[in-house]
Structures are given as structure tokens and as C-alpha cells.
């Protein structure tokens, strides 16, 4: 059985609000697409892997960013 982190992001546009729950890799894939197609800053999302993919310090850093 593998374990993974799920990140929860709330998105608000005007009177509309969504709560999105996905694995980091899903957000990473979306970010890569936006960087490529919409030319957004590639540094807006923390890196995919630093030391340990689910280390406590990495998870906390991603949550803060």
C-alpha cells in the first residue's frame, strides 16, 4: 500500500468558490501546462522533489508556498 499527500486549495472568483483536492503531481502537471501555454512564472509552484518526496519538511514547505 502506498501513501501520498493530498493538497487542498480553495479557489475564489467573484461569488464562485471551489475546493480542489489533488496530489501534488496533479498540480505540478497543471503548472507545467500553464507555464508552457500561458507563460506564467515557472517559480510559482515549489519544486516537485527536493530530498524525500514525502518528508515532513518538504510537505510543510509546499503547504506554506
N, C-alpha and C. Protein backbone atom coordinates (compact mmCIF):
# COMPACT_ATOMS: atom_id res chain seq x y z
N UNK A 1 0.85 -1.17 0.00
CA UNK A 1 0.00 0.00 0.00
C UNK A 1 0.90 1.23 0.00
N UNK A 2 0.68 2.11 -0.96
CA UNK A 2 1.47 3.34 -0.99
C UNK A 2 0.67 4.48 -0.36
N UNK A 3 1.38 5.42 0.18
CA UNK A 3 0.72 6.59 0.76
C UNK A 3 1.16 7.84 0.01
N UNK A 4 0.33 8.83 0.04
CA UNK A 4 0.67 10.08 -0.62
C UNK A 4 -0.08 11.22 0.07
N UNK A 5 0.41 12.44 -0.16
CA UNK A 5 -0.19 13.62 0.41
C UNK A 5 -1.24 14.16 -0.55
N UNK A 6 -2.31 14.68 0.01
CA UNK A 6 -3.33 15.36 -0.79
C UNK A 6 -3.32 16.82 -0.35
N UNK A 7 -3.26 17.72 -1.32
CA UNK A 7 -3.26 19.14 -1.04
C UNK A 7 -4.64 19.71 -1.34
N UNK A 8 -5.09 20.60 -0.49
CA UNK A 8 -6.41 21.20 -0.63
C UNK A 8 -6.22 22.69 -0.90
N UNK A 9 -6.80 23.16 -2.01
CA UNK A 9 -6.70 24.56 -2.39
C UNK A 9 -8.11 25.09 -2.60
N UNK A 10 -8.37 26.28 -2.04
CA UNK A 10 -9.64 26.94 -2.26
C UNK A 10 -9.44 28.04 -3.30
N UNK A 11 -10.28 28.02 -4.32
CA UNK A 11 -10.20 28.99 -5.40
C UNK A 11 -11.47 29.82 -5.38
N UNK A 12 -11.32 31.15 -5.41
CA UNK A 12 -12.47 32.04 -5.41
C UNK A 12 -12.37 33.00 -6.59
N UNK A 13 -13.47 33.11 -7.33
CA UNK A 13 -13.57 34.07 -8.43
C UNK A 13 -14.93 34.73 -8.30
N UNK A 14 -14.94 35.99 -7.93
CA UNK A 14 -16.21 36.68 -7.72
C UNK A 14 -17.01 35.98 -6.64
N UNK A 15 -18.24 35.60 -6.95
CA UNK A 15 -19.12 34.92 -6.00
C UNK A 15 -18.97 33.40 -6.04
N UNK A 16 -18.11 32.90 -6.87
CA UNK A 16 -17.94 31.45 -7.04
C UNK A 16 -16.72 30.97 -6.24
N UNK A 17 -16.85 29.80 -5.64
CA UNK A 17 -15.75 29.24 -4.87
C UNK A 17 -15.69 27.73 -5.10
N UNK A 18 -14.47 27.23 -5.27
CA UNK A 18 -14.25 25.80 -5.45
C UNK A 18 -13.22 25.33 -4.43
N UNK A 19 -13.36 24.12 -3.97
CA UNK A 19 -12.35 23.47 -3.16
C UNK A 19 -11.80 22.32 -3.97
N UNK A 20 -10.50 22.36 -4.21
CA UNK A 20 -9.85 21.39 -5.07
C UNK A 20 -8.90 20.54 -4.23
N UNK A 21 -9.03 19.21 -4.34
CA UNK A 21 -8.17 18.28 -3.60
C UNK A 21 -7.47 17.37 -4.60
N UNK A 22 -6.16 17.46 -4.63
CA UNK A 22 -5.38 16.63 -5.56
C UNK A 22 -4.01 16.32 -4.98
N UNK A 23 -3.37 15.35 -5.59
CA UNK A 23 -1.98 15.05 -5.27
C UNK A 23 -1.11 16.16 -5.84
N UNK A 24 0.07 16.32 -5.26
CA UNK A 24 0.99 17.34 -5.75
C UNK A 24 1.28 17.16 -7.23
N UNK A 25 1.42 15.92 -7.67
CA UNK A 25 1.76 15.67 -9.07
C UNK A 25 0.69 16.22 -10.03
N UNK A 26 -0.57 16.22 -9.61
CA UNK A 26 -1.64 16.80 -10.45
C UNK A 26 -1.45 18.30 -10.59
N UNK A 27 -1.15 18.98 -9.46
CA UNK A 27 -0.91 20.42 -9.51
C UNK A 27 0.35 20.71 -10.33
N UNK A 28 1.36 19.86 -10.19
CA UNK A 28 2.60 20.04 -10.95
C UNK A 28 2.33 19.95 -12.45
N UNK A 29 1.55 18.96 -12.88
CA UNK A 29 1.23 18.81 -14.30
C UNK A 29 0.48 20.02 -14.83
N UNK A 30 -0.49 20.51 -14.06
CA UNK A 30 -1.25 21.70 -14.46
C UNK A 30 -0.31 22.90 -14.54
N UNK A 31 0.56 23.05 -13.57
CA UNK A 31 1.51 24.17 -13.56
C UNK A 31 2.42 24.14 -14.79
N UNK A 32 2.93 22.96 -15.13
CA UNK A 32 3.79 22.84 -16.31
C UNK A 32 3.04 23.26 -17.58
N UNK A 33 1.78 22.88 -17.67
CA UNK A 33 0.97 23.25 -18.83
C UNK A 33 0.76 24.76 -18.88
N UNK A 34 0.48 25.38 -17.73
CA UNK A 34 0.27 26.83 -17.69
C UNK A 34 1.55 27.59 -18.00
N UNK A 35 2.69 27.08 -17.54
CA UNK A 35 3.97 27.71 -17.85
C UNK A 35 4.19 27.66 -19.36
N UNK A 36 3.91 26.53 -19.96
CA UNK A 36 4.13 26.34 -21.39
C UNK A 36 3.17 27.15 -22.25
N UNK A 37 1.89 27.09 -21.91
CA UNK A 37 0.86 27.70 -22.77
C UNK A 37 0.54 29.15 -22.43
N UNK A 38 0.59 29.49 -21.16
CA UNK A 38 0.17 30.83 -20.72
C UNK A 38 1.32 31.70 -20.25
N UNK A 39 2.52 31.13 -20.26
CA UNK A 39 3.74 31.84 -19.90
C UNK A 39 3.71 32.42 -18.48
N UNK A 40 3.12 31.66 -17.53
CA UNK A 40 3.17 32.11 -16.13
C UNK A 40 4.55 31.83 -15.56
N UNK A 41 4.87 32.46 -14.45
CA UNK A 41 6.17 32.29 -13.80
C UNK A 41 6.37 30.84 -13.37
N UNK A 42 7.45 30.24 -13.82
CA UNK A 42 7.69 28.83 -13.50
C UNK A 42 8.04 28.61 -12.04
N UNK A 43 8.34 29.68 -11.30
CA UNK A 43 8.73 29.54 -9.90
C UNK A 43 7.56 29.69 -8.93
N UNK A 44 6.33 29.74 -9.43
CA UNK A 44 5.17 29.90 -8.55
C UNK A 44 4.85 28.64 -7.76
N UNK A 45 5.25 27.50 -8.24
CA UNK A 45 4.99 26.23 -7.56
C UNK A 45 6.30 25.70 -7.01
N UNK A 46 6.32 25.25 -5.76
CA UNK A 46 7.57 24.70 -5.22
C UNK A 46 8.00 23.47 -6.02
N UNK A 47 9.30 23.14 -6.01
CA UNK A 47 9.80 22.02 -6.82
C UNK A 47 9.14 20.69 -6.49
N UNK A 48 9.11 19.82 -7.50
CA UNK A 48 8.46 18.51 -7.35
C UNK A 48 9.17 17.63 -6.33
N UNK A 49 10.48 17.60 -6.38
CA UNK A 49 11.24 16.77 -5.44
C UNK A 49 12.45 17.55 -4.96
N UNK A 50 12.70 17.46 -3.68
CA UNK A 50 13.90 18.08 -3.13
C UNK A 50 14.77 16.97 -2.55
N UNK A 51 14.39 16.42 -1.41
CA UNK A 51 15.16 15.34 -0.79
C UNK A 51 14.31 14.08 -0.76
N UNK A 52 13.34 14.05 0.13
CA UNK A 52 12.42 12.92 0.22
C UNK A 52 11.06 13.39 -0.26
N UNK A 53 10.43 12.63 -1.12
CA UNK A 53 9.20 13.13 -1.73
C UNK A 53 8.07 13.35 -0.74
N UNK A 54 8.08 12.69 0.39
CA UNK A 54 7.04 12.90 1.38
C UNK A 54 7.61 13.26 2.75
N UNK A 55 8.83 13.81 2.76
CA UNK A 55 9.42 14.19 4.03
C UNK A 55 8.59 15.30 4.67
N UNK A 56 8.56 15.31 5.98
CA UNK A 56 7.75 16.29 6.70
C UNK A 56 8.14 17.71 6.34
N UNK A 57 9.43 17.99 6.24
CA UNK A 57 9.87 19.35 5.91
C UNK A 57 9.45 19.76 4.50
N UNK A 58 9.48 18.84 3.55
CA UNK A 58 9.06 19.14 2.19
C UNK A 58 7.56 19.42 2.15
N UNK A 59 6.78 18.60 2.81
CA UNK A 59 5.32 18.80 2.84
C UNK A 59 4.99 20.16 3.46
N UNK A 60 5.65 20.51 4.57
CA UNK A 60 5.41 21.79 5.22
C UNK A 60 5.81 22.96 4.31
N UNK A 61 6.93 22.82 3.61
CA UNK A 61 7.37 23.88 2.69
C UNK A 61 6.37 24.08 1.57
N UNK A 62 5.89 22.99 0.98
CA UNK A 62 4.89 23.08 -0.09
C UNK A 62 3.61 23.74 0.41
N UNK A 63 3.18 23.38 1.61
CA UNK A 63 1.95 23.94 2.16
C UNK A 63 2.07 25.45 2.34
N UNK A 64 3.24 25.91 2.83
CA UNK A 64 3.44 27.34 3.03
C UNK A 64 3.47 28.09 1.70
N UNK A 65 4.08 27.51 0.69
CA UNK A 65 4.20 28.17 -0.61
C UNK A 65 2.91 28.07 -1.37
